[in-house]
C-alpha atoms as a PDB file:
ATOM      1  CA  UNK A   1      -0.049  -0.185  -0.192  1.00  0.00           C
ATOM      2  CA  UNK A   2       1.290   3.579  -1.092  1.00  0.00           C
ATOM      3  CA  UNK A   3       1.604   5.808   1.608  1.00  0.00           C
ATOM      4  CA  UNK A   4      -0.788   8.911   0.005  1.00  0.00           C
ATOM      5  CA  UNK A   5      -3.703   6.610   0.153  1.00  0.00           C
ATOM      6  CA  UNK A   6      -3.834   3.763   2.579  1.00  0.00           C
ATOM      7  CA  UNK A   7      -4.508   5.957   5.596  1.00  0.00           C
ATOM      8  CA  UNK A   8      -7.528   6.418   7.022  1.00  0.00           C
ATOM      9  CA  UNK A   9      -9.093  10.146   6.406  1.00  0.00           C
ATOM     10  CA  UNK A  10     -10.222  12.073   9.490  1.00  0.00           C
ATOM     11  CA  UNK A  11     -12.260  14.319   6.749  1.00  0.00           C
ATOM     12  CA  UNK A  12     -14.398  11.652   6.022  1.00  0.00           C
ATOM     13  CA  UNK A  13     -15.489  11.406   9.515  1.00  0.00           C
ATOM     14  CA  UNK A  14     -18.299  12.872  10.917  1.00  0.00           C
ATOM     15  CA  UNK A  15     -17.670  16.981  12.260  1.00  0.00           C
ATOM     16  CA  UNK A  16     -14.309  18.330  13.434  1.00  0.00           C
ATOM     17  CA  UNK A  17     -12.675  16.670  16.301  1.00  0.00           C
ATOM     18  CA  UNK A  18     -11.257  18.216  19.247  1.00  0.00           C
ATOM     19  CA  UNK A  19      -7.690  16.947  20.432  1.00  0.00           C
ATOM     20  CA  UNK A  20      -6.896  17.308  24.179  1.00  0.00           C
ATOM     21  CA  UNK A  21      -3.514  19.205  24.293  1.00  0.00           C
ATOM     22  CA  UNK A  22      -1.316  16.925  26.810  1.00  0.00           C
ATOM     23  CA  UNK A  23      -4.817  16.070  28.125  1.00  0.00           C
ATOM     24  CA  UNK A  24      -6.899  18.682  29.604  1.00  0.00           C
ATOM     25  CA  UNK A  25      -4.091  20.869  30.711  1.00  0.00           C
ATOM     26  CA  UNK A  26      -5.456  24.224  31.411  1.00  0.00           C
ATOM     27  CA  UNK A  27      -6.925  22.292  34.977  1.00  0.00           C
ATOM     28  CA  UNK A  28      -4.271  19.622  35.070  1.00  0.00           C
ATOM     29  CA  UNK A  29      -1.087  18.835  35.478  1.00  0.00           C
ATOM     30  CA  UNK A  30       0.083  17.694  31.834  1.00  0.00           C
ATOM     31  CA  UNK A  31       0.296  14.428  31.039  1.00  0.00           C
ATOM     32  CA  UNK A  32      -1.118  12.845  33.942  1.00  0.00           C
ATOM     33  CA  UNK A  33      -3.577  10.142  34.390  1.00  0.00           C
ATOM     34  CA  UNK A  34      -5.738  13.402  36.211  1.00  0.00           C
ATOM     35  CA  UNK A  35      -5.319  15.551  33.250  1.00  0.00           C
ATOM     36  CA  UNK A  36      -5.681  12.902  30.365  1.00  0.00           C
ATOM     37  CA  UNK A  37      -9.223  11.274  32.664  1.00  0.00           C
ATOM     38  CA  UNK A  38     -10.556  14.657  32.840  1.00  0.00           C
ATOM     39  CA  UNK A  39     -10.034  15.227  29.005  1.00  0.00           C
ATOM     40  CA  UNK A  40     -12.308  12.300  28.610  1.00  0.00           C
ATOM     41  CA  UNK A  41     -14.923  13.430  31.318  1.00  0.00           C
ATOM     42  CA  UNK A  42     -14.692  16.845  28.939  1.00  0.00           C
ATOM     43  CA  UNK A  43     -15.732  14.826  25.575  1.00  0.00           C
ATOM     44  CA  UNK A  44     -12.253  15.423  24.289  1.00  0.00           C
ATOM     45  CA  UNK A  45     -12.358  13.158  20.719  1.00  0.00           C
ATOM     46  CA  UNK A  46      -8.288  12.297  20.993  1.00  0.00           C
ATOM     47  CA  UNK A  47      -5.748  12.603  23.961  1.00  0.00           C
ATOM     48  CA  UNK A  48      -2.757  14.267  23.038  1.00  0.00           C
ATOM     49  CA  UNK A  49       0.360  12.083  24.729  1.00  0.00           C
ATOM     50  CA  UNK A  50       3.888  13.605  23.634  1.00  0.00           C
ATOM     51  CA  UNK A  51       6.222  10.706  23.666  1.00  0.00           C
ATOM     52  CA  UNK A  52      10.063  10.364  25.398  1.00  0.00           C
ATOM     53  CA  UNK A  53      11.923   7.682  25.641  1.00  0.00           C
ATOM     54  CA  UNK A  54      13.701   6.170  28.954  1.00  0.00           C
ATOM     55  CA  UNK A  55      17.142   5.738  29.277  1.00  0.00           C
ATOM     56  CA  UNK A  56      15.697   1.297  29.609  1.00  0.00           C
ATOM     57  CA  UNK A  57      13.874   2.292  26.190  1.00  0.00           C
ATOM     58  CA  UNK A  58      10.417   2.802  27.720  1.00  0.00           C
ATOM     59  CA  UNK A  59       7.868   4.913  25.891  1.00  0.00           C
ATOM     60  CA  UNK A  60       6.444   7.994  28.266  1.00  0.00           C
ATOM     61  CA  UNK A  61       4.086  10.560  28.196  1.00  0.00           C
ATOM     62  CA  UNK A  62       6.359  13.713  28.072  1.00  0.00           C
ATOM     63  CA  UNK A  63       6.478  17.064  26.100  1.00  0.00           C
ATOM     64  CA  UNK A  64       9.651  19.047  26.895  1.00  0.00           C
ATOM     65  CA  UNK A  65      12.369  16.316  26.878  1.00  0.00           C
ATOM     66  CA  UNK A  66      13.561  17.661  29.864  1.00  0.00           C
ATOM     67  CA  UNK A  67      11.843  16.436  33.409  1.00  0.00           C
ATOM     68  CA  UNK A  68      12.733  19.328  35.360  1.00  0.00           C
ATOM     69  CA  UNK A  69       9.732  21.929  34.805  1.00  0.00           C
ATOM     70  CA  UNK A  70       6.802  19.280  35.247  1.00  0.00           C
ATOM     71  CA  UNK A  71       8.591  16.954  37.980  1.00  0.00           C
ATOM     72  CA  UNK A  72      10.906  17.300  41.197  1.00  0.00           C
ATOM     73  CA  UNK A  73      13.572  16.123  39.715  1.00  0.00           C
ATOM     74  CA  UNK A  74      16.060  19.034  40.456  1.00  0.00           C
ATOM     75  CA  UNK A  75      15.559  17.947  44.333  1.00  0.00           C
ATOM     76  CA  UNK A  76      15.607  13.726  43.724  1.00  0.00           C
ATOM     77  CA  UNK A  77      18.458  13.680  41.716  1.00  0.00           C
ATOM     78  CA  UNK A  78      20.381  17.243  41.822  1.00  0.00           C
ATOM     79  CA  UNK A  79      23.382  16.076  39.889  1.00  0.00           C
ATOM     80  CA  UNK A  80      21.886  14.097  37.040  1.00  0.00           C
ATOM     81  CA  UNK A  81      21.866  17.116  34.898  1.00  0.00           C
ATOM     82  CA  UNK A  82      23.390  17.836  31.198  1.00  0.00           C
ATOM     83  CA  UNK A  83      24.595  20.896  30.039  1.00  0.00           C
ATOM     84  CA  UNK A  84      23.034  21.958  26.982  1.00  0.00           C
ATOM     85  CA  UNK A  85      24.328  24.688  24.911  1.00  0.00           C
ATOM     86  CA  UNK A  86      21.077  26.676  23.731  1.00  0.00           C
ATOM     87  CA  UNK A  87      20.852  30.460  22.208  1.00  0.00           C
ATOM     88  CA  UNK A  88      20.652  31.983  25.553  1.00  0.00           C
ATOM     89  CA  UNK A  89      23.846  30.523  26.638  1.00  0.00           C
ATOM     90  CA  UNK A  90      24.556  27.351  28.572  1.00  0.00           C
ATOM     91  CA  UNK A  91      21.476  25.655  30.328  1.00  0.00           C
ATOM     92  CA  UNK A  92      20.864  23.129  32.921  1.00  0.00           C
ATOM     93  CA  UNK A  93      18.336  20.345  31.666  1.00  0.00           C
ATOM     94  CA  UNK A  94      17.175  16.861  33.060  1.00  0.00           C
ATOM     95  CA  UNK A  95      16.893  15.017  30.102  1.00  0.00           C
ATOM     96  CA  UNK A  96      14.121  11.881  30.011  1.00  0.00           C
ATOM     97  CA  UNK A  97      16.418   9.799  28.011  1.00  0.00           C
ATOM     98  CA  UNK A  98      19.322  10.076  31.115  1.00  0.00           C
ATOM     99  CA  UNK A  99      16.349   8.271  33.708  1.00  0.00           C
ATOM    100  CA  UNK A 100      15.494   5.180  33.937  1.00  0.00           C
ATOM    101  CA  UNK A 101      11.708   3.765  34.311  1.00  0.00           C
ATOM    102  CA  UNK A 102      12.173   3.100  37.317  1.00  0.00           C
ATOM    103  CA  UNK A 103      13.696   6.491  38.615  1.00  0.00           C
ATOM    104  CA  UNK A 104      10.795   8.618  36.720  1.00  0.00           C
ATOM    105  CA  UNK A 105       7.713   6.745  38.075  1.00  0.00           C
ATOM    106  CA  UNK A 106       9.304   8.185  41.930  1.00  0.00           C
ATOM    107  CA  UNK A 107       9.438  11.906  40.587  1.00  0.00           C
ATOM    108  CA  UNK A 108       6.247  13.974  41.555  1.00  0.00           C
ATOM    109  CA  UNK A 109       4.598  15.352  39.043  1.00  0.00           C
ATOM    110  CA  UNK A 110       2.126  16.961  40.109  1.00  0.00           C
ATOM    111  CA  UNK A 111       2.398  19.156  42.835  1.00  0.00           C
ATOM    112  CA  UNK A 112       4.136  22.115  39.992  1.00  0.00           C
ATOM    113  CA  UNK A 113       0.833  22.783  39.030  1.00  0.00           C
ATOM    114  CA  UNK A 114      -1.223  22.487  42.481  1.00  0.00           C
ATOM    115  CA  UNK A 115      -1.207  21.213  45.831  1.00  0.00           C
ATOM    116  CA  UNK A 116      -3.725  19.019  45.086  1.00  0.00           C
ATOM    117  CA  UNK A 117      -2.274  16.893  42.665  1.00  0.00           C
ATOM    118  CA  UNK A 118       0.605  15.985  44.516  1.00  0.00           C
ATOM    119  CA  UNK A 119       1.852  12.208  43.699  1.00  0.00           C
ATOM    120  CA  UNK A 120       0.577  12.514  40.366  1.00  0.00           C
ATOM    121  CA  UNK A 121       3.166  10.129  38.363  1.00  0.00           C
ATOM    122  CA  UNK A 122       3.796  10.776  34.845  1.00  0.00           C
ATOM    123  CA  UNK A 123       2.555   7.860  32.510  1.00  0.00           C
ATOM    124  CA  UNK A 124       4.088   5.289  30.183  1.00  0.00           C
ATOM    125  CA  UNK A 125       2.877   5.192  26.934  1.00  0.00           C
ATOM    126  CA  UNK A 126       1.365   2.154  27.354  1.00  0.00           C
ATOM    127  CA  UNK A 127      -0.445   3.376  30.300  1.00  0.00           C
ATOM    128  CA  UNK A 128      -1.561   6.150  27.961  1.00  0.00           C
ATOM    129  CA  UNK A 129      -3.188   3.514  26.033  1.00  0.00           C
ATOM    130  CA  UNK A 130      -4.835   1.621  29.061  1.00  0.00           C
ATOM    131  CA  UNK A 131      -6.543   4.860  30.230  1.00  0.00           C
ATOM    132  CA  UNK A 132      -7.637   6.374  26.960  1.00  0.00           C
ATOM    133  CA  UNK A 133      -8.234   3.177  25.041  1.00  0.00           C
ATOM    134  CA  UNK A 134     -12.129   2.870  23.902  1.00  0.00           C
ATOM    135  CA  UNK A 135     -13.152   6.100  25.975  1.00  0.00           C
ATOM    136  CA  UNK A 136     -11.472   8.234  23.304  1.00  0.00           C
ATOM    137  CA  UNK A 137      -8.777   8.244  20.344  1.00  0.00           C
ATOM    138  CA  UNK A 138      -5.126   8.878  20.946  1.00  0.00           C
ATOM    139  CA  UNK A 139      -2.978  11.617  18.881  1.00  0.00           C
ATOM    140  CA  UNK A 140       0.639  11.024  20.062  1.00  0.00           C
ATOM    141  CA  UNK A 141       3.167  13.256  18.886  1.00  0.00           C
ATOM    142  CA  UNK A 142       6.960  12.058  18.648  1.00  0.00           C
ATOM    143  CA  UNK A 143       9.098  14.732  20.619  1.00  0.00           C
ATOM    144  CA  UNK A 144      12.474  14.945  19.183  1.00  0.00           C
ATOM    145  CA  UNK A 145      13.486  11.796  17.343  1.00  0.00           C
ATOM    146  CA  UNK A 146      16.554  12.385  15.316  1.00  0.00           C
ATOM    147  CA  UNK A 147      17.930  13.560  19.276  1.00  0.00           C
ATOM    148  CA  UNK A 148      16.464   9.490  20.057  1.00  0.00           C
ATOM    149  CA  UNK A 149      17.768   8.241  16.994  1.00  0.00           C
ATOM    150  CA  UNK A 150      21.669   9.609  17.438  1.00  0.00           C
ATOM    151  CA  UNK A 151      21.174   8.082  21.350  1.00  0.00           C
ATOM    152  CA  UNK A 152      20.576   4.614  19.744  1.00  0.00           C
ATOM    153  CA  UNK A 153      16.790   4.413  19.988  1.00  0.00           C
ATOM    154  CA  UNK A 154      14.330   3.732  17.468  1.00  0.00           C
ATOM    155  CA  UNK A 155      11.201   6.071  18.326  1.00  0.00           C
ATOM    156  CA  UNK A 156       8.954   5.079  15.429  1.00  0.00           C
ATOM    157  CA  UNK A 157       9.399   1.453  15.604  1.00  0.00           C
ATOM    158  CA  UNK A 158       8.903   1.730  19.545  1.00  0.00           C
ATOM    159  CA  UNK A 159       5.823   3.533  18.372  1.00  0.00           C
ATOM    160  CA  UNK A 160       4.655   1.245  15.751  1.00  0.00           C
ATOM    161  CA  UNK A 161       5.518  -1.865  17.950  1.00  0.00           C
ATOM    162  CA  UNK A 162       3.428  -0.072  20.967  1.00  0.00           C
ATOM    163  CA  UNK A 163       0.267   0.426  18.084  1.00  0.00           C
ATOM    164  CA  UNK A 164      -0.151  -3.348  17.083  1.00  0.00           C
ATOM    165  CA  UNK A 165       0.648  -4.680  20.244  1.00  0.00           C
ATOM    166  CA  UNK A 166      -2.691  -2.727  21.555  1.00  0.00           C
ATOM    167  CA  UNK A 167      -4.430  -3.683  18.035  1.00  0.00           C
ATOM    168  CA  UNK A 168      -4.547  -0.003  17.737  1.00  0.00           C
ATOM    169  CA  UNK A 169      -3.148   0.104  13.729  1.00  0.00           C
ATOM    170  CA  UNK A 170      -6.499   0.552  11.519  1.00  0.00           C
ATOM    171  CA  UNK A 171      -8.259   0.845  14.248  1.00  0.00           C
ATOM    172  CA  UNK A 172     -11.645   2.968  14.625  1.00  0.00           C
ATOM    173  CA  UNK A 173     -13.479   4.891  17.692  1.00  0.00           C
ATOM    174  CA  UNK A 174     -16.505   6.547  17.345  1.00  0.00           C
ATOM    175  CA  UNK A 175     -16.233   6.596  13.305  1.00  0.00           C
ATOM    176  CA  UNK A 176     -12.592   8.444  12.800  1.00  0.00           C
ATOM    177  CA  UNK A 177      -9.096   6.385  13.030  1.00  0.00           C
ATOM    178  CA  UNK A 178      -8.463   5.649  17.196  1.00  0.00           C
ATOM    179  CA  UNK A 179      -4.609   6.910  16.588  1.00  0.00           C
ATOM    180  CA  UNK A 180      -3.597   9.457  14.203  1.00  0.00           C
ATOM    181  CA  UNK A 181       0.310  10.540  14.782  1.00  0.00           C
ATOM    182  CA  UNK A 182       2.197  13.799  14.515  1.00  0.00           C
ATOM    183  CA  UNK A 183       5.849  14.802  14.076  1.00  0.00           C
ATOM    184  CA  UNK A 184       7.339  17.931  13.485  1.00  0.00           C
ATOM    185  CA  UNK A 185      10.327  16.197  11.677  1.00  0.00           C
ATOM    186  CA  UNK A 186      10.160  15.652   7.971  1.00  0.00           C
ATOM    187  CA  UNK A 187      12.446  12.470   8.288  1.00  0.00           C
ATOM    188  CA  UNK A 188      10.387  11.012  11.257  1.00  0.00           C
ATOM    189  CA  UNK A 189       6.738  11.384   9.469  1.00  0.00           C
ATOM    190  CA  UNK A 190       8.419   9.890   6.316  1.00  0.00           C
ATOM    191  CA  UNK A 191       9.180   6.925   8.585  1.00  0.00           C
ATOM    192  CA  UNK A 192       6.159   6.831  10.211  1.00  0.00           C
ATOM    193  CA  UNK A 193       4.802   6.808   6.572  1.00  0.00           C
ATOM    194  CA  UNK A 194       6.684   3.440   5.757  1.00  0.00           C
ATOM    195  CA  UNK A 195       6.152   1.694   9.018  1.00  0.00           C
ATOM    196  CA  UNK A 196       2.250   2.797   9.277  1.00  0.00           C
ATOM    197  CA  UNK A 197       0.956   3.184   5.918  1.00  0.00           C
ATOM    198  CA  UNK A 198      -2.611   2.780   7.657  1.00  0.00           C
ATOM    199  CA  UNK A 199      -2.396   5.221  10.495  1.00  0.00           C
ATOM    200  CA  UNK A 200      -3.458   9.082   9.574  1.00  0.00           C
ATOM    201  CA  UNK A 201       0.156  11.407  10.437  1.00  0.00           C
ATOM    202  CA  UNK A 202       0.072  15.040  10.397  1.00  0.00           C
ATOM    203  CA  UNK A 203       3.438  16.905   9.923  1.00  0.00           C
ATOM    204  CA  UNK A 204       3.507  19.720  12.395  1.00  0.00           C
ATOM    205  CA  UNK A 205       4.634  23.417  11.262  1.00  0.00           C
ATOM    206  CA  UNK A 206       5.509  26.424  13.254  1.00  0.00           C
ATOM    207  CA  UNK A 207       8.403  28.113  11.970  1.00  0.00           C
ATOM    208  CA  UNK A 208       8.953  30.795   9.191  1.00  0.00           C
ATOM    209  CA  UNK A 209      11.286  28.224   7.723  1.00  0.00           C
ATOM    210  CA  UNK A 210       8.396  25.521   7.912  1.00  0.00           C
ATOM    211  CA  UNK A 211       6.183  28.305   6.257  1.00  0.00           C
ATOM    212  CA  UNK A 212       8.202  29.000   3.337  1.00  0.00           C
ATOM    213  CA  UNK A 213       9.235  24.993   2.717  1.00  0.00           C
ATOM    214  CA  UNK A 214       6.221  23.321   2.975  1.00  0.00           C
ATOM    215  CA  UNK A 215       2.943  25.701   2.914  1.00  0.00           C
ATOM    216  CA  UNK A 216       3.202  26.855  -0.605  1.00  0.00           C
ATOM    217  CA  UNK A 217       0.811  24.697  -3.225  1.00  0.00           C
ATOM    218  CA  UNK A 218       4.358  22.943  -4.493  1.00  0.00           C
ATOM    219  CA  UNK A 219       5.110  22.222  -0.841  1.00  0.00           C
ATOM    220  CA  UNK A 220       1.633  20.768   0.162  1.00  0.00           C
ATOM    221  CA  UNK A 221       1.405  18.291  -2.809  1.00  0.00           C
ATOM    222  CA  UNK A 222       5.354  16.829  -1.530  1.00  0.00           C
ATOM    223  CA  UNK A 223       3.887  16.742   1.702  1.00  0.00           C
ATOM    224  CA  UNK A 224       0.639  14.713   0.852  1.00  0.00           C
ATOM    225  CA  UNK A 225       3.364  12.270  -0.299  1.00  0.00           C
ATOM    226  CA  UNK A 226       4.017  11.043   2.875  1.00  0.00           C
ATOM    227  CA  UNK A 227       1.645  13.167   5.127  1.00  0.00           C
ATOM    228  CA  UNK A 228      -2.002  12.605   5.502  1.00  0.00           C
ATOM    229  CA  UNK A 229      -2.301  16.376   7.690  1.00  0.00           C
ATOM    230  CA  UNK A 230      -0.861  19.014   7.856  1.00  0.00           C
ATOM    231  CA  UNK A 231      -0.897  20.904  11.584  1.00  0.00           C
ATOM    232  CA  UNK A 232       0.041  24.441  11.509  1.00  0.00           C
ATOM    233  CA  UNK A 233       0.412  26.907  14.410  1.00  0.00           C
ATOM    234  CA  UNK A 234      -2.436  29.253  15.108  1.00  0.00           C
ATOM    235  CA  UNK A 235      -0.591  31.855  14.509  1.00  0.00           C
ATOM    236  CA  UNK A 236       0.122  31.010  10.598  1.00  0.00           C
ATOM    237  CA  UNK A 237      -3.601  30.203   9.774  1.00  0.00           C
ATOM    238  CA  UNK A 238      -4.188  33.829  11.544  1.00  0.00           C
ATOM    239  CA  UNK A 239      -2.053  35.255   8.752  1.00  0.00           C
ATOM    240  CA  UNK A 240      -3.179  32.965   5.932  1.00  0.00           C
ATOM    241  CA  UNK A 241      -6.595  31.529   6.309  1.00  0.00           C
ATOM    242  CA  UNK A 242      -6.861  30.260   2.696  1.00  0.00           C
ATOM    243  CA  UNK A 243      -3.864  27.516   3.758  1.00  0.00           C
ATOM    244  CA  UNK A 244      -6.828  25.585   4.901  1.00  0.00           C
ATOM    245  CA  UNK A 245      -8.881  25.207   1.545  1.00  0.00           C
ATOM    246  CA  UNK A 246      -5.237  25.153  -0.161  1.00  0.00           C
ATOM    247  CA  UNK A 247      -3.882  21.899   2.643  1.00  0.00           C
ATOM    248  CA  UNK A 248      -7.672  20.909   1.628  1.00  0.00           C
ATOM    249  CA  UNK A 249      -7.411  20.649  -2.417  1.00  0.00           C
ATOM    250  CA  UNK A 250      -4.286  18.738  -1.954  1.00  0.00           C
ATOM    251  CA  UNK A 251      -5.884  16.164   0.133  1.00  0.00           C
ATOM    252  CA  UNK A 252      -4.684  17.044   3.627  1.00  0.00           C
ATOM    253  CA  UNK A 253      -6.490  17.334   7.042  1.00  0.00           C
ATOM    254  CA  UNK A 254      -5.551  20.496   8.625  1.00  0.00           C
ATOM    255  CA  UNK A 255      -5.667  20.372  12.723  1.00  0.00           C
ATOM    256  CA  UNK A 256      -3.800  23.973  14.157  1.00  0.00           C
ATOM    257  CA  UNK A 257      -2.795  23.748  17.623  1.00  0.00           C
ATOM    258  CA  UNK A 258      -3.067  25.192  20.415  1.00  0.00           C
ATOM    259  CA  UNK A 259      -5.959  26.641  21.672  1.00  0.00           C
ATOM    260  CA  UNK A 260      -5.617  28.444  24.699  1.00  0.00           C
ATOM    261  CA  UNK A 261      -6.819  31.336  27.251  1.00  0.00           C
ATOM    262  CA  UNK A 262      -4.145  33.987  26.697  1.00  0.00           C
ATOM    263  CA  UNK A 263      -4.904  37.317  27.167  1.00  0.00           C
ATOM    264  CA  UNK A 264      -5.697  39.815  25.927  1.00  0.00           C
ATOM    265  CA  UNK A 265      -7.444  38.665  22.719  1.00  0.00           C
ATOM    266  CA  UNK A 266      -8.324  34.884  24.335  1.00  0.00           C
ATOM    267  CA  UNK A 267      -8.908  36.308  28.111  1.00  0.00           C
ATOM    268  CA  UNK A 268     -12.189  34.696  28.199  1.00  0.00           C
ATOM    269  CA  UNK A 269     -13.698  31.246  27.791  1.00  0.00           C
ATOM    270  CA  UNK A 270     -16.080  32.913  26.017  1.00  0.00           C
ATOM    271  CA  UNK A 271     -13.506  34.176  23.442  1.00  0.00           C
ATOM    272  CA  UNK A 272     -12.370  30.987  23.282  1.00  0.00           C
ATOM    273  CA  UNK A 273     -15.056  29.466  22.088  1.00  0.00           C
ATOM    274  CA  UNK A 274     -15.920  31.869  20.041  1.00  0.00           C
ATOM    275  CA  UNK A 275     -12.561  31.247  18.056  1.00  0.00           C
ATOM    276  CA  UNK A 276     -12.566  27.663  18.020  1.00  0.00           C
ATOM    277  CA  UNK A 277     -16.193  28.322  16.889  1.00  0.00           C
ATOM    278  CA  UNK A 278     -14.905  30.346  13.996  1.00  0.00           C
ATOM    279  CA  UNK A 279     -11.914  27.949  12.991  1.00  0.00           C
ATOM    280  CA  UNK A 280     -14.382  24.896  12.921  1.00  0.00           C
ATOM    281  CA  UNK A 281     -17.431  26.533  11.273  1.00  0.00           C
ATOM    282  CA  UNK A 282     -15.981  29.289   8.778  1.00  0.00           C
ATOM    283  CA  UNK A 283     -12.314  27.821   8.134  1.00  0.00           C
ATOM    284  CA  UNK A 284     -13.708  24.404   8.037  1.00  0.00           C
ATOM    285  CA  UNK A 285     -10.513  22.482  10.040  1.00  0.00           C
ATOM    286  CA  UNK A 286     -10.565  18.707  10.182  1.00  0.00           C
ATOM    287  CA  UNK A 287      -9.988  19.324  13.782  1.00  0.00           C
ATOM    288  CA  UNK A 288      -7.752  21.367  16.527  1.00  0.00           C
ATOM    289  CA  UNK A 289      -5.918  21.205  19.699  1.00  0.00           C
ATOM    290  CA  UNK A 290      -6.741  23.030  23.112  1.00  0.00           C
ATOM    291  CA  UNK A 291      -6.053  23.032  26.712  1.00  0.00           C
ATOM    292  CA  UNK A 292      -9.450  23.392  27.288  1.00  0.00           C
ATOM    293  CA  UNK A 293     -11.918  20.394  25.887  1.00  0.00           C
ATOM    294  CA  UNK A 294     -14.492  21.346  27.713  1.00  0.00           C
ATOM    295  CA  UNK A 295     -14.989  24.771  25.922  1.00  0.00           C
ATOM    296  CA  UNK A 296     -15.171  23.433  22.262  1.00  0.00           C
ATOM    297  CA  UNK A 297     -18.276  24.528  20.481  1.00  0.00           C
ATOM    298  CA  UNK A 298     -20.576  21.817  20.306  1.00  0.00           C
END
């Protein structure tokens, strides 16, 4: 089967879908059971697990690729940092791949968000699947795949193995694909197209360079040879709303990110719902990411 024709298409499914960005992350600590369970309770069609890899090769749900923002790793393992060079200078980061699953499971992943979440733990991808499967779809993002490959891991194969093990390849939930993958890195999306041609996969775009390279008629046509959808940042769509129709014309679904309460323009729940409604009803996006799935217009 070719990557351009084999994927199940969310666009043929009933209505636009809402993806709980890192779970219901406006209300509970991201990528914890509390956030995922709340997302399901709030009616999310998909829950988004970001995926990293532990030192012992286990997929875990984490956005940053480092542990210090959302856990107490600095206190538990103060000397286990890696010095990383950034445009701002040298920074200390506690990288997920430097810790075993047992060590990661010992961390408090909830207190940073609020005292009532103390003791929440990071989830493995398998735990996320067990929690979500049959209640919502999964919209995993492979984080930093080139970095993990450079350290001897194979993130695309790990994801493919997990989806096959759980009967999720080609599966559906409420008329939509049960899984939809997403990545920022072209090489990774292309590899997923070869490994999992039946599973929809979106190419995430967020930089001016990505816009110039991919968000043209020629770029979208090329993208369609290895991706089934494009996931642009909201400011990109705000500037060029015609992108949605252009991507649809190329055969791609469109799923922008991320709708969240942000003063001054999105300072109230009503304003956030209004903007999501415009994207769904006027621009005709196929779905969208939000930290507030309860505010999605139904």
